[in-house]
């Protein structure tokens, strides 16, 4: 299942839900000065002189990366033991 929503209040993002987690994907454009990182439960996107922050649900692990101008945020559900 996928849905459209907003990320960083500006980017249109697609949401893909799977059995083991959620993937968010947004086109941020190709640029050498764009980076992304996850700190605690927040995704931080830096593009040029601008910085954007997006809180994430704190019920799992998150990983973010940019490849060919596409920002991907993978949210994995925590496994119960």
PDB file of N, CA and C in Angstrom:
ATOM      1  N   UNK A   1       0.854  -1.178   0.000  1.00  0.00           N
ATOM      2  CA  UNK A   1       0.000   0.000   0.000  1.00  0.00           C
ATOM      3  C   UNK A   1       0.888   1.226   0.000  1.00  0.00           C
ATOM      4  N   UNK A   2       0.501   2.226  -0.750  1.00  0.00           N
ATOM      5  CA  UNK A   2       1.242   3.467  -0.699  1.00  0.00           C
ATOM      6  C   UNK A   2       0.278   4.635  -0.652  1.00  0.00           C
ATOM      7  N   UNK A   3       0.734   5.699  -0.043  1.00  0.00           N
ATOM      8  CA  UNK A   3      -0.077   6.904   0.067  1.00  0.00           C
ATOM      9  C   UNK A   3       0.817   8.114  -0.128  1.00  0.00           C
ATOM     10  N   UNK A   4       0.209   9.229  -0.440  1.00  0.00           N
ATOM     11  CA  UNK A   4       0.948  10.487  -0.566  1.00  0.00           C
ATOM     12  C   UNK A   4       0.799  11.277   0.719  1.00  0.00           C
ATOM     13  N   UNK A   5       1.869  11.949   1.129  1.00  0.00           N
ATOM     14  CA  UNK A   5       1.821  12.825   2.285  1.00  0.00           C
ATOM     15  C   UNK A   5       2.944  13.834   2.161  1.00  0.00           C
ATOM     16  N   UNK A   6       3.086  14.721   3.117  1.00  0.00           N
ATOM     17  CA  UNK A   6       4.124  15.744   3.106  1.00  0.00           C
ATOM     18  C   UNK A   6       5.242  15.374   4.072  1.00  0.00           C
ATOM     19  N   UNK A   7       6.468  15.712   3.691  1.00  0.00           N
ATOM     20  CA  UNK A   7       7.642  15.505   4.528  1.00  0.00           C
ATOM     21  C   UNK A   7       8.344  16.841   4.632  1.00  0.00           C
ATOM     22  N   UNK A   8       8.780  17.211   5.808  1.00  0.00           N
ATOM     23  CA  UNK A   8       9.437  18.494   6.056  1.00  0.00           C
ATOM     24  C   UNK A   8       8.532  19.653   5.654  1.00  0.00           C
ATOM     25  N   UNK A   9       7.227  19.446   5.656  1.00  0.00           N
ATOM     26  CA  UNK A   9       6.207  20.434   5.296  1.00  0.00           C
ATOM     27  C   UNK A   9       6.340  20.976   3.885  1.00  0.00           C
ATOM     28  N   UNK A  10       7.231  20.400   3.063  1.00  0.00           N
ATOM     29  CA  UNK A  10       7.429  20.924   1.718  1.00  0.00           C
ATOM     30  C   UNK A  10       7.509  19.839   0.650  1.00  0.00           C
ATOM     31  N   UNK A  11       8.085  18.693   0.980  1.00  0.00           N
ATOM     32  CA  UNK A  11       8.311  17.642  -0.003  1.00  0.00           C
ATOM     33  C   UNK A  11       7.130  16.695  -0.064  1.00  0.00           C
ATOM     34  N   UNK A  12       6.723  16.377  -1.272  1.00  0.00           N
ATOM     35  CA  UNK A  12       5.719  15.341  -1.444  1.00  0.00           C
ATOM     36  C   UNK A  12       6.424  14.006  -1.277  1.00  0.00           C
ATOM     37  N   UNK A  13       5.855  13.143  -0.471  1.00  0.00           N
ATOM     38  CA  UNK A  13       6.509  11.876  -0.158  1.00  0.00           C
ATOM     39  C   UNK A  13       5.541  10.731  -0.402  1.00  0.00           C
ATOM     40  N   UNK A  14       6.089   9.622  -0.834  1.00  0.00           N
ATOM     41  CA  UNK A  14       5.296   8.404  -0.991  1.00  0.00           C
ATOM     42  C   UNK A  14       5.577   7.503   0.193  1.00  0.00           C
ATOM     43  N   UNK A  15       4.556   6.872   0.705  1.00  0.00           N
ATOM     44  CA  UNK A  15       4.671   5.983   1.860  1.00  0.00           C
ATOM     45  C   UNK A  15       4.311   4.572   1.403  1.00  0.00           C
ATOM     46  N   UNK A  16       5.227   3.641   1.657  1.00  0.00           N
ATOM     47  CA  UNK A  16       5.017   2.251   1.313  1.00  0.00           C
ATOM     48  C   UNK A  16       5.028   1.441   2.597  1.00  0.00           C
ATOM     49  N   UNK A  17       3.954   0.720   2.865  1.00  0.00           N
ATOM     50  CA  UNK A  17       3.847  -0.071   4.086  1.00  0.00           C
ATOM     51  C   UNK A  17       4.071  -1.544   3.775  1.00  0.00           C
ATOM     52  N   UNK A  18       4.935  -2.180   4.574  1.00  0.00           N
ATOM     53  CA  UNK A  18       5.256  -3.595   4.432  1.00  0.00           C
ATOM     54  C   UNK A  18       5.023  -4.281   5.771  1.00  0.00           C
ATOM     55  N   UNK A  19       5.093  -5.602   5.784  1.00  0.00           N
ATOM     56  CA  UNK A  19       4.879  -6.358   7.020  1.00  0.00           C
ATOM     57  C   UNK A  19       5.890  -5.994   8.101  1.00  0.00           C
ATOM     58  N   UNK A  20       7.134  -5.712   7.707  1.00  0.00           N
ATOM     59  CA  UNK A  20       8.191  -5.466   8.688  1.00  0.00           C
ATOM     60  C   UNK A  20       8.560  -3.999   8.856  1.00  0.00           C
ATOM     61  N   UNK A  21       7.811  -3.077   8.235  1.00  0.00           N
ATOM     62  CA  UNK A  21       8.116  -1.658   8.416  1.00  0.00           C
ATOM     63  C   UNK A  21       7.511  -0.787   7.334  1.00  0.00           C
ATOM     64  N   UNK A  22       7.994   0.443   7.279  1.00  0.00           N
ATOM     65  CA  UNK A  22       7.484   1.458   6.368  1.00  0.00           C
ATOM     66  C   UNK A  22       8.668   2.102   5.652  1.00  0.00           C
ATOM     67  N   UNK A  23       8.477   2.428   4.372  1.00  0.00           N
ATOM     68  CA  UNK A  23       9.488   3.154   3.607  1.00  0.00           C
ATOM     69  C   UNK A  23       8.851   4.448   3.112  1.00  0.00           C
ATOM     70  N   UNK A  24       9.543   5.570   3.370  1.00  0.00           N
ATOM     71  CA  UNK A  24       9.125   6.870   2.864  1.00  0.00           C
ATOM     72  C   UNK A  24      10.119   7.281   1.791  1.00  0.00           C
ATOM     73  N   UNK A  25       9.631   7.795   0.659  1.00  0.00           N
ATOM     74  CA  UNK A  25      10.517   8.203  -0.433  1.00  0.00           C
ATOM     75  C   UNK A  25      10.072   9.558  -0.969  1.00  0.00           C
ATOM     76  N   UNK A  26      11.066  10.455  -1.184  1.00  0.00           N
ATOM     77  CA  UNK A  26      10.778  11.786  -1.696  1.00  0.00           C
ATOM     78  C   UNK A  26      11.887  12.227  -2.640  1.00  0.00           C
ATOM     79  N   UNK A  27      11.523  12.954  -3.687  1.00  0.00           N
ATOM     80  CA  UNK A  27      12.499  13.477  -4.632  1.00  0.00           C
ATOM     81  C   UNK A  27      13.038  14.802  -4.080  1.00  0.00           C
ATOM     82  N   UNK A  28      14.343  14.824  -3.744  1.00  0.00           N
ATOM     83  CA  UNK A  28      14.962  16.047  -3.224  1.00  0.00           C
ATOM     84  C   UNK A  28      15.865  16.691  -4.261  1.00  0.00           C
ATOM     85  N   UNK A  29      15.998  16.067  -5.429  1.00  0.00           N
ATOM     86  CA  UNK A  29      16.846  16.604  -6.480  1.00  0.00           C
ATOM     87  C   UNK A  29      18.296  16.204  -6.280  1.00  0.00           C
ATOM     88  N   UNK A  30      19.020  16.153  -7.372  1.00  0.00           N
ATOM     89  CA  UNK A  30      20.428  15.763  -7.318  1.00  0.00           C
ATOM     90  C   UNK A  30      21.268  16.988  -7.017  1.00  0.00           C
ATOM     91  N   UNK A  31      22.049  16.901  -5.940  1.00  0.00           N
ATOM     92  CA  UNK A  31      22.915  18.000  -5.536  1.00  0.00           C
ATOM     93  C   UNK A  31      24.038  17.441  -4.673  1.00  0.00           C
ATOM     94  N   UNK A  32      25.222  17.983  -4.851  1.00  0.00           N
ATOM     95  CA  UNK A  32      26.361  17.523  -4.057  1.00  0.00           C
ATOM     96  C   UNK A  32      26.313  18.021  -2.616  1.00  0.00           C
ATOM     97  N   UNK A  33      25.535  19.070  -2.362  1.00  0.00           N
ATOM     98  CA  UNK A  33      25.520  19.637  -1.010  1.00  0.00           C
ATOM     99  C   UNK A  33      24.252  19.291  -0.234  1.00  0.00           C
ATOM    100  N   UNK A  34      23.643  18.149  -0.527  1.00  0.00           N
ATOM    101  CA  UNK A  34      22.477  17.672   0.215  1.00  0.00           C
ATOM    102  C   UNK A  34      22.866  16.419   0.991  1.00  0.00           C
ATOM    103  N   UNK A  35      22.532  16.423   2.282  1.00  0.00           N
ATOM    104  CA  UNK A  35      22.840  15.261   3.114  1.00  0.00           C
ATOM    105  C   UNK A  35      21.683  14.996   4.062  1.00  0.00           C
ATOM    106  N   UNK A  36      21.651  13.774   4.592  1.00  0.00           N
ATOM    107  CA  UNK A  36      20.588  13.389   5.507  1.00  0.00           C
ATOM    108  C   UNK A  36      21.179  12.537   6.615  1.00  0.00           C
ATOM    109  N   UNK A  37      20.597  12.644   7.800  1.00  0.00           N
ATOM    110  CA  UNK A  37      21.042  11.845   8.940  1.00  0.00           C
ATOM    111  C   UNK A  37      19.847  11.627   9.859  1.00  0.00           C
ATOM    112  N   UNK A  38      19.921  10.571  10.650  1.00  0.00           N
ATOM    113  CA  UNK A  38      18.903  10.298  11.662  1.00  0.00           C
ATOM    114  C   UNK A  38      19.557  10.473  13.020  1.00  0.00           C
ATOM    115  N   UNK A  39      18.982  11.345  13.846  1.00  0.00           N
ATOM    116  CA  UNK A  39      19.467  11.580  15.199  1.00  0.00           C
ATOM    117  C   UNK A  39      18.305  11.330  16.144  1.00  0.00           C
ATOM    118  N   UNK A  40      18.470  10.322  16.997  1.00  0.00           N
ATOM    119  CA  UNK A  40      17.398   9.883  17.891  1.00  0.00           C
ATOM    120  C   UNK A  40      16.156   9.554  17.064  1.00  0.00           C
ATOM    121  N   UNK A  41      15.085  10.297  17.227  1.00  0.00           N
ATOM    122  CA  UNK A  41      13.856  10.029  16.480  1.00  0.00           C
ATOM    123  C   UNK A  41      13.532  11.164  15.506  1.00  0.00           C
ATOM    124  N   UNK A  42      14.595  11.778  14.920  1.00  0.00           N
ATOM    125  CA  UNK A  42      14.426  12.892  13.995  1.00  0.00           C
ATOM    126  C   UNK A  42      15.294  12.693  12.761  1.00  0.00           C
ATOM    127  N   UNK A  43      14.710  12.914  11.586  1.00  0.00           N
ATOM    128  CA  UNK A  43      15.480  12.933  10.344  1.00  0.00           C
ATOM    129  C   UNK A  43      15.874  14.374  10.091  1.00  0.00           C
ATOM    130  N   UNK A  44      17.159  14.598   9.814  1.00  0.00           N
ATOM    131  CA  UNK A  44      17.661  15.939   9.533  1.00  0.00           C
ATOM    132  C   UNK A  44      18.175  15.957   8.097  1.00  0.00           C
ATOM    133  N   UNK A  45      17.595  16.823   7.278  1.00  0.00           N
ATOM    134  CA  UNK A  45      17.990  16.992   5.884  1.00  0.00           C
ATOM    135  C   UNK A  45      18.654  18.361   5.755  1.00  0.00           C
ATOM    136  N   UNK A  46      19.869  18.384   5.218  1.00  0.00           N
ATOM    137  CA  UNK A  46      20.578  19.634   4.977  1.00  0.00           C
ATOM    138  C   UNK A  46      20.753  19.781   3.477  1.00  0.00           C
ATOM    139  N   UNK A  47      20.227  20.874   2.941  1.00  0.00           N
ATOM    140  CA  UNK A  47      20.324  21.162   1.508  1.00  0.00           C
ATOM    141  C   UNK A  47      20.851  22.580   1.353  1.00  0.00           C
ATOM    142  N   UNK A  48      22.120  22.687   0.968  1.00  0.00           N
ATOM    143  CA  UNK A  48      22.734  24.005   0.860  1.00  0.00           C
ATOM    144  C   UNK A  48      22.799  24.658   2.224  1.00  0.00           C
ATOM    145  N   UNK A  49      22.207  25.841   2.355  1.00  0.00           N
ATOM    146  CA  UNK A  49      22.188  26.574   3.621  1.00  0.00           C
ATOM    147  C   UNK A  49      20.939  26.294   4.448  1.00  0.00           C
ATOM    148  N   UNK A  50      20.051  25.455   3.950  1.00  0.00           N
ATOM    149  CA  UNK A  50      18.789  25.166   4.629  1.00  0.00           C
ATOM    150  C   UNK A  50      18.874  23.843   5.382  1.00  0.00           C
ATOM    151  N   UNK A  51      18.244  23.804   6.561  1.00  0.00           N
ATOM    152  CA  UNK A  51      18.159  22.565   7.342  1.00  0.00           C
ATOM    153  C   UNK A  51      16.704  22.304   7.667  1.00  0.00           C
ATOM    154  N   UNK A  52      16.284  21.063   7.465  1.00  0.00           N
ATOM    155  CA  UNK A  52      14.913  20.651   7.734  1.00  0.00           C
ATOM    156  C   UNK A  52      14.939  19.483   8.713  1.00  0.00           C
ATOM    157  N   UNK A  53      13.989  19.461   9.624  1.00  0.00           N
ATOM    158  CA  UNK A  53      13.903  18.375  10.600  1.00  0.00           C
ATOM    159  C   UNK A  53      12.500  17.776  10.555  1.00  0.00           C
ATOM    160  N   UNK A  54      12.452  16.454  10.661  1.00  0.00           N
ATOM    161  CA  UNK A  54      11.181  15.738  10.647  1.00  0.00           C
ATOM    162  C   UNK A  54      11.175  14.719  11.773  1.00  0.00           C
ATOM    163  N   UNK A  55      10.285  14.870  12.749  1.00  0.00           N
ATOM    164  CA  UNK A  55      10.195  13.857  13.805  1.00  0.00           C
ATOM    165  C   UNK A  55       9.651  12.550  13.241  1.00  0.00           C
ATOM    166  N   UNK A  56      10.125  11.456  13.812  1.00  0.00           N
ATOM    167  CA  UNK A  56       9.701  10.125  13.410  1.00  0.00           C
ATOM    168  C   UNK A  56       9.061   9.412  14.586  1.00  0.00           C
ATOM    169  N   UNK A  57       8.242   8.410  14.314  1.00  0.00           N
ATOM    170  CA  UNK A  57       7.707   7.617  15.431  1.00  0.00           C
ATOM    171  C   UNK A  57       8.862   6.931  16.152  1.00  0.00           C
ATOM    172  N   UNK A  58       8.771   6.829  17.461  1.00  0.00           N
ATOM    173  CA  UNK A  58       9.880   6.271  18.245  1.00  0.00           C
ATOM    174  C   UNK A  58       9.679   4.795  18.560  1.00  0.00           C
ATOM    175  N   UNK A  59       8.908   4.109  17.731  1.00  0.00           N
ATOM    176  CA  UNK A  59       8.627   2.702  18.006  1.00  0.00           C
ATOM    177  C   UNK A  59       9.429   1.747  17.121  1.00  0.00           C
ATOM    178  N   UNK A  60      10.576   2.180  16.625  1.00  0.00           N
ATOM    179  CA  UNK A  60      11.397   1.302  15.798  1.00  0.00           C
ATOM    180  C   UNK A  60      12.686   1.968  15.384  1.00  0.00           C
ATOM    181  N   UNK A  61      13.444   1.266  14.567  1.00  0.00           N
ATOM    182  CA  UNK A  61      14.702   1.784  14.054  1.00  0.00           C
ATOM    183  C   UNK A  61      14.456   2.535  12.762  1.00  0.00           C
ATOM    184  N   UNK A  62      15.256   3.582  12.521  1.00  0.00           N
ATOM    185  CA  UNK A  62      15.136   4.358  11.294  1.00  0.00           C
ATOM    186  C   UNK A  62      16.497   4.467  10.624  1.00  0.00           C
ATOM    187  N   UNK A  63      16.458   4.460   9.291  1.00  0.00           N
ATOM    188  CA  UNK A  63      17.663   4.630   8.488  1.00  0.00           C
ATOM    189  C   UNK A  63      17.284   5.531   7.324  1.00  0.00           C
ATOM    190  N   UNK A  64      18.139   6.511   7.009  1.00  0.00           N
ATOM    191  CA  UNK A  64      17.851   7.440   5.919  1.00  0.00           C
ATOM    192  C   UNK A  64      19.066   7.581   5.024  1.00  0.00           C
ATOM    193  N   UNK A  65      18.798   7.709   3.722  1.00  0.00           N
ATOM    194  CA  UNK A  65      19.885   7.916   2.771  1.00  0.00           C
ATOM    195  C   UNK A  65      19.333   8.578   1.514  1.00  0.00           C
ATOM    196  N   UNK A  66      20.248   9.147   0.721  1.00  0.00           N
ATOM    197  CA  UNK A  66      19.887   9.777  -0.548  1.00  0.00           C
ATOM    198  C   UNK A  66      20.661   9.068  -1.651  1.00  0.00           C
ATOM    199  N   UNK A  67      19.936   8.671  -2.695  1.00  0.00           N
ATOM    200  CA  UNK A  67      20.558   8.024  -3.838  1.00  0.00           C
ATOM    201  C   UNK A  67      19.929   8.587  -5.108  1.00  0.00           C
ATOM    202  N   UNK A  68      20.747   9.185  -5.963  1.00  0.00           N
ATOM    203  CA  UNK A  68      20.266   9.784  -7.215  1.00  0.00           C
ATOM    204  C   UNK A  68      19.138  10.781  -6.989  1.00  0.00           C
ATOM    205  N   UNK A  69      19.229  11.568  -5.935  1.00  0.00           N
ATOM    206  CA  UNK A  69      18.250  12.608  -5.666  1.00  0.00           C
ATOM    207  C   UNK A  69      16.977  12.143  -4.988  1.00  0.00           C
ATOM    208  N   UNK A  70      16.922  10.866  -4.608  1.00  0.00           N
ATOM    209  CA  UNK A  70      15.733  10.345  -3.918  1.00  0.00           C
ATOM    210  C   UNK A  70      16.077  10.089  -2.460  1.00  0.00           C
ATOM    211  N   UNK A  71      15.380  10.787  -1.575  1.00  0.00           N
ATOM    212  CA  UNK A  71      15.521  10.577  -0.137  1.00  0.00           C
ATOM    213  C   UNK A  71      14.680   9.376   0.248  1.00  0.00           C
ATOM    214  N   UNK A  72      15.313   8.403   0.913  1.00  0.00           N
ATOM    215  CA  UNK A  72      14.611   7.209   1.372  1.00  0.00           C
ATOM    216  C   UNK A  72      14.773   7.091   2.878  1.00  0.00           C
ATOM    217  N   UNK A  73      13.673   6.923   3.566  1.00  0.00           N
ATOM    218  CA  UNK A  73      13.678   6.719   5.014  1.00  0.00           C
ATOM    219  C   UNK A  73      13.028   5.371   5.272  1.00  0.00           C
ATOM    220  N   UNK A  74      13.798   4.469   5.856  1.00  0.00           N
ATOM    221  CA  UNK A  74      13.292   3.138   6.179  1.00  0.00           C
ATOM    222  C   UNK A  74      13.007   3.070   7.675  1.00  0.00           C
ATOM    223  N   UNK A  75      11.780   2.744   8.013  1.00  0.00           N
ATOM    224  CA  UNK A  75      11.358   2.617   9.405  1.00  0.00           C
ATOM    225  C   UNK A  75      11.066   1.151   9.670  1.00  0.00           C
ATOM    226  N   UNK A  76      11.888   0.524  10.477  1.00  0.00           N
ATOM    227  CA  UNK A  76      11.708  -0.890  10.806  1.00  0.00           C
ATOM    228  C   UNK A  76      11.038  -1.011  12.160  1.00  0.00           C
ATOM    229  N   UNK A  77      10.085  -1.896  12.236  1.00  0.00           N
ATOM    230  CA  UNK A  77       9.420  -2.133  13.516  1.00  0.00           C
ATOM    231  C   UNK A  77      10.343  -2.894  14.437  1.00  0.00           C
ATOM    232  N   UNK A  78      10.311  -2.557  15.723  1.00  0.00           N
ATOM    233  CA  UNK A  78      11.110  -3.285  16.692  1.00  0.00           C
ATOM    234  C   UNK A  78      10.545  -4.685  16.853  1.00  0.00           C
ATOM    235  N   UNK A  79      11.445  -5.644  16.922  1.00  0.00           N
ATOM    236  CA  UNK A  79      11.012  -7.022  17.128  1.00  0.00           C
ATOM    237  C   UNK A  79      10.817  -7.291  18.601  1.00  0.00           C
ATOM    238  N   UNK A  80       9.733  -7.954  18.934  1.00  0.00           N
ATOM    239  CA  UNK A  80       9.465  -8.299  20.321  1.00  0.00           C
ATOM    240  C   UNK A  80      10.110  -9.646  20.625  1.00  0.00           C
ATOM    241  N   UNK A  81      10.769  -9.758  21.762  1.00  0.00           N
ATOM    242  CA  UNK A  81      11.433 -11.011  22.142  1.00  0.00           C
ATOM    243  C   UNK A  81      10.693 -11.677  23.262  1.00  0.00           C
TER     244      UNK A  81
END
